[in-house]
Amino acid sequence: MKQLIETIVKPLVDYPEEVHITTEESTNRIVYKLSVHPSDMGKVIGKQGRVAKAMRTIVYSAAGSHHKKKTYVDILD
């Protein structure tokens, strides 16, 4: 999943080397925490959150077929 998120996010941003994803896993869920350069935050979120919503939809769909845990994507400030 980390690779999928990077593949989606890196072409969108001006500082692809500052894209970092950490993973927190518990018994029933996995949280992918995405951090980007502060000036790229708007590009990752998009107008009215459309880019973030589309990215989450793709990741949730891929994760549903990959493992049984609930998957979340958080975009950190």
N, C-alpha and C. Protein backbone atom coordinates (compact mmCIF):
# COMPACT_ATOMS: atom_id res chain seq x y z
N MET A 1 0.81 -1.20 0.00
CA MET A 1 0.00 0.00 0.00
C MET A 1 0.86 1.26 0.00
N LYS A 2 1.98 1.22 0.74
CA LYS A 2 2.85 2.39 0.76
C LYS A 2 3.30 2.75 -0.66
N GLN A 3 3.63 1.74 -1.44
CA GLN A 3 4.08 1.97 -2.82
C GLN A 3 2.96 2.59 -3.65
N LEU A 4 1.74 2.14 -3.46
CA LEU A 4 0.59 2.68 -4.19
C LEU A 4 0.38 4.16 -3.84
N ILE A 5 0.44 4.48 -2.56
CA ILE A 5 0.26 5.87 -2.13
C ILE A 5 1.36 6.74 -2.71
N GLU A 6 2.61 6.27 -2.67
CA GLU A 6 3.72 7.04 -3.24
C GLU A 6 3.53 7.25 -4.73
N THR A 7 3.07 6.22 -5.43
CA THR A 7 2.85 6.32 -6.88
C THR A 7 1.80 7.36 -7.21
N ILE A 8 0.80 7.50 -6.36
CA ILE A 8 -0.25 8.49 -6.59
C ILE A 8 0.24 9.89 -6.24
N VAL A 9 0.94 10.04 -5.12
CA VAL A 9 1.27 11.36 -4.58
C VAL A 9 2.48 12.01 -5.24
N LYS A 10 3.53 11.26 -5.48
CA LYS A 10 4.79 11.87 -5.96
C LYS A 10 4.65 12.69 -7.25
N PRO A 11 3.86 12.24 -8.25
CA PRO A 11 3.73 13.09 -9.45
C PRO A 11 2.97 14.40 -9.21
N LEU A 12 2.22 14.48 -8.12
CA LEU A 12 1.42 15.67 -7.84
C LEU A 12 2.21 16.80 -7.20
N VAL A 13 3.29 16.46 -6.50
CA VAL A 13 3.96 17.44 -5.65
C VAL A 13 5.22 18.01 -6.29
N ASP A 14 5.67 19.15 -5.77
CA ASP A 14 6.90 19.79 -6.24
C ASP A 14 8.15 19.22 -5.55
N TYR A 15 7.96 18.63 -4.37
CA TYR A 15 9.07 18.06 -3.60
C TYR A 15 8.82 16.57 -3.34
N PRO A 16 8.97 15.72 -4.37
CA PRO A 16 8.68 14.28 -4.19
C PRO A 16 9.61 13.59 -3.19
N GLU A 17 10.80 14.17 -2.98
CA GLU A 17 11.73 13.55 -2.02
C GLU A 17 11.25 13.76 -0.57
N GLU A 18 10.30 14.65 -0.35
CA GLU A 18 9.78 14.90 0.99
C GLU A 18 8.47 14.18 1.27
N VAL A 19 8.10 13.25 0.41
CA VAL A 19 6.91 12.42 0.65
C VAL A 19 7.32 11.27 1.56
N HIS A 20 6.71 11.21 2.74
CA HIS A 20 7.02 10.16 3.71
C HIS A 20 5.72 9.50 4.16
N ILE A 21 5.76 8.18 4.25
CA ILE A 21 4.58 7.43 4.69
C ILE A 21 5.00 6.52 5.83
N THR A 22 4.30 6.64 6.94
CA THR A 22 4.52 5.74 8.06
C THR A 22 3.27 4.89 8.25
N THR A 23 3.45 3.75 8.87
CA THR A 23 2.35 2.82 9.04
C THR A 23 2.15 2.51 10.52
N GLU A 24 0.91 2.58 10.97
CA GLU A 24 0.55 2.14 12.31
C GLU A 24 -0.45 1.01 12.16
N GLU A 25 -0.13 -0.13 12.74
CA GLU A 25 -0.99 -1.29 12.58
C GLU A 25 -1.45 -1.80 13.95
N SER A 26 -2.74 -2.05 14.06
CA SER A 26 -3.28 -2.66 15.26
C SER A 26 -4.03 -3.94 14.85
N THR A 27 -4.74 -4.53 15.77
CA THR A 27 -5.37 -5.82 15.48
C THR A 27 -6.45 -5.74 14.41
N ASN A 28 -7.15 -4.60 14.30
CA ASN A 28 -8.24 -4.53 13.34
C ASN A 28 -8.13 -3.40 12.33
N ARG A 29 -7.03 -2.64 12.34
CA ARG A 29 -6.90 -1.56 11.36
C ARG A 29 -5.44 -1.23 11.06
N ILE A 30 -5.26 -0.61 9.90
CA ILE A 30 -3.95 -0.12 9.46
C ILE A 30 -4.13 1.35 9.09
N VAL A 31 -3.26 2.20 9.61
CA VAL A 31 -3.31 3.62 9.30
C VAL A 31 -2.02 4.00 8.59
N TYR A 32 -2.16 4.54 7.38
CA TYR A 32 -1.02 5.06 6.63
C TYR A 32 -1.01 6.56 6.82
N LYS A 33 0.08 7.08 7.39
CA LYS A 33 0.19 8.51 7.65
C LYS A 33 1.11 9.13 6.61
N LEU A 34 0.54 10.02 5.83
CA LEU A 34 1.25 10.66 4.72
C LEU A 34 1.67 12.06 5.13
N SER A 35 2.95 12.36 4.96
CA SER A 35 3.42 13.72 5.19
C SER A 35 4.14 14.20 3.94
N VAL A 36 3.92 15.47 3.62
CA VAL A 36 4.53 16.09 2.44
C VAL A 36 5.08 17.45 2.84
N HIS A 37 5.81 18.07 1.95
CA HIS A 37 6.33 19.42 2.17
C HIS A 37 5.14 20.36 2.38
N PRO A 38 5.25 21.32 3.29
CA PRO A 38 4.11 22.21 3.57
C PRO A 38 3.53 22.91 2.33
N SER A 39 4.36 23.27 1.38
CA SER A 39 3.85 23.95 0.19
C SER A 39 3.10 23.00 -0.75
N ASP A 40 3.26 21.69 -0.56
CA ASP A 40 2.57 20.70 -1.39
C ASP A 40 1.25 20.23 -0.79
N MET A 41 0.94 20.68 0.41
CA MET A 41 -0.26 20.21 1.10
C MET A 41 -1.52 20.46 0.27
N GLY A 42 -1.65 21.62 -0.31
CA GLY A 42 -2.83 21.94 -1.11
C GLY A 42 -2.95 21.05 -2.34
N LYS A 43 -1.85 20.68 -2.92
CA LYS A 43 -1.88 19.82 -4.10
C LYS A 43 -2.35 18.41 -3.76
N VAL A 44 -1.98 17.93 -2.59
CA VAL A 44 -2.35 16.59 -2.17
C VAL A 44 -3.83 16.55 -1.76
N ILE A 45 -4.30 17.62 -1.13
CA ILE A 45 -5.69 17.66 -0.70
C ILE A 45 -6.61 18.00 -1.87
N GLY A 46 -6.22 18.97 -2.69
CA GLY A 46 -7.03 19.36 -3.84
C GLY A 46 -8.18 20.27 -3.46
N LYS A 47 -8.84 20.80 -4.48
CA LYS A 47 -9.98 21.68 -4.23
C LYS A 47 -11.11 20.89 -3.60
N GLN A 48 -11.59 21.41 -2.48
CA GLN A 48 -12.67 20.77 -1.71
C GLN A 48 -12.34 19.33 -1.34
N GLY A 49 -11.04 18.99 -1.26
CA GLY A 49 -10.62 17.66 -0.84
C GLY A 49 -10.79 16.57 -1.88
N ARG A 50 -10.96 16.95 -3.13
CA ARG A 50 -11.23 15.97 -4.18
C ARG A 50 -10.07 15.02 -4.44
N VAL A 51 -8.84 15.53 -4.45
CA VAL A 51 -7.68 14.67 -4.70
C VAL A 51 -7.50 13.69 -3.54
N ALA A 52 -7.62 14.18 -2.31
CA ALA A 52 -7.47 13.31 -1.14
C ALA A 52 -8.56 12.24 -1.14
N LYS A 53 -9.78 12.63 -1.47
CA LYS A 53 -10.88 11.67 -1.49
C LYS A 53 -10.66 10.60 -2.55
N ALA A 54 -10.21 11.00 -3.73
CA ALA A 54 -9.95 10.04 -4.80
C ALA A 54 -8.82 9.09 -4.42
N MET A 55 -7.77 9.63 -3.81
CA MET A 55 -6.65 8.80 -3.38
C MET A 55 -7.11 7.78 -2.34
N ARG A 56 -7.90 8.24 -1.38
CA ARG A 56 -8.40 7.32 -0.35
C ARG A 56 -9.29 6.24 -0.95
N THR A 57 -10.11 6.60 -1.91
CA THR A 57 -10.99 5.62 -2.56
C THR A 57 -10.17 4.52 -3.23
N ILE A 58 -9.11 4.91 -3.92
CA ILE A 58 -8.25 3.93 -4.60
C ILE A 58 -7.56 3.03 -3.57
N VAL A 59 -7.01 3.62 -2.53
CA VAL A 59 -6.29 2.85 -1.51
C VAL A 59 -7.24 1.92 -0.77
N TYR A 60 -8.43 2.41 -0.40
CA TYR A 60 -9.40 1.56 0.31
C TYR A 60 -9.81 0.39 -0.56
N SER A 61 -10.01 0.64 -1.82
CA SER A 61 -10.42 -0.42 -2.74
C SER A 61 -9.32 -1.47 -2.87
N ALA A 62 -8.10 -1.03 -3.05
CA ALA A 62 -6.98 -1.96 -3.18
C ALA A 62 -6.74 -2.71 -1.88
N ALA A 63 -6.89 -2.04 -0.75
CA ALA A 63 -6.65 -2.68 0.54
C ALA A 63 -7.73 -3.71 0.86
N GLY A 64 -8.95 -3.45 0.43
CA GLY A 64 -10.04 -4.39 0.70
C GLY A 64 -9.79 -5.75 0.09
N SER A 65 -9.16 -5.78 -1.07
CA SER A 65 -8.87 -7.06 -1.70
C SER A 65 -7.54 -7.64 -1.21
N HIS A 66 -6.72 -6.81 -0.56
CA HIS A 66 -5.38 -7.23 -0.13
C HIS A 66 -5.39 -7.86 1.27
N HIS A 67 -6.07 -7.22 2.21
CA HIS A 67 -6.14 -7.76 3.57
C HIS A 67 -7.47 -7.40 4.21
N LYS A 68 -7.76 -8.03 5.30
CA LYS A 68 -9.08 -7.92 5.92
C LYS A 68 -9.20 -6.77 6.92
N LYS A 69 -8.13 -6.10 7.23
CA LYS A 69 -8.17 -5.02 8.20
C LYS A 69 -8.71 -3.74 7.57
N LYS A 70 -9.37 -2.91 8.38
CA LYS A 70 -9.84 -1.61 7.92
C LYS A 70 -8.63 -0.72 7.68
N THR A 71 -8.63 -0.02 6.57
CA THR A 71 -7.49 0.79 6.17
C THR A 71 -7.85 2.27 6.16
N TYR A 72 -6.95 3.09 6.67
CA TYR A 72 -7.15 4.53 6.71
C TYR A 72 -5.92 5.23 6.14
N VAL A 73 -6.14 6.40 5.52
CA VAL A 73 -5.04 7.23 5.04
C VAL A 73 -5.21 8.60 5.70
N ASP A 74 -4.23 9.00 6.50
CA ASP A 74 -4.23 10.31 7.15
C ASP A 74 -3.19 11.19 6.47
N ILE A 75 -3.55 12.43 6.21
CA ILE A 75 -2.61 13.40 5.66
C ILE A 75 -2.22 14.33 6.80
N LEU A 76 -0.94 14.31 7.14
CA LEU A 76 -0.46 15.08 8.30
C LEU A 76 0.01 16.46 7.89
N ASP A 77 -0.15 17.42 8.82
CA ASP A 77 0.32 18.78 8.58
C ASP A 77 1.81 18.86 8.72
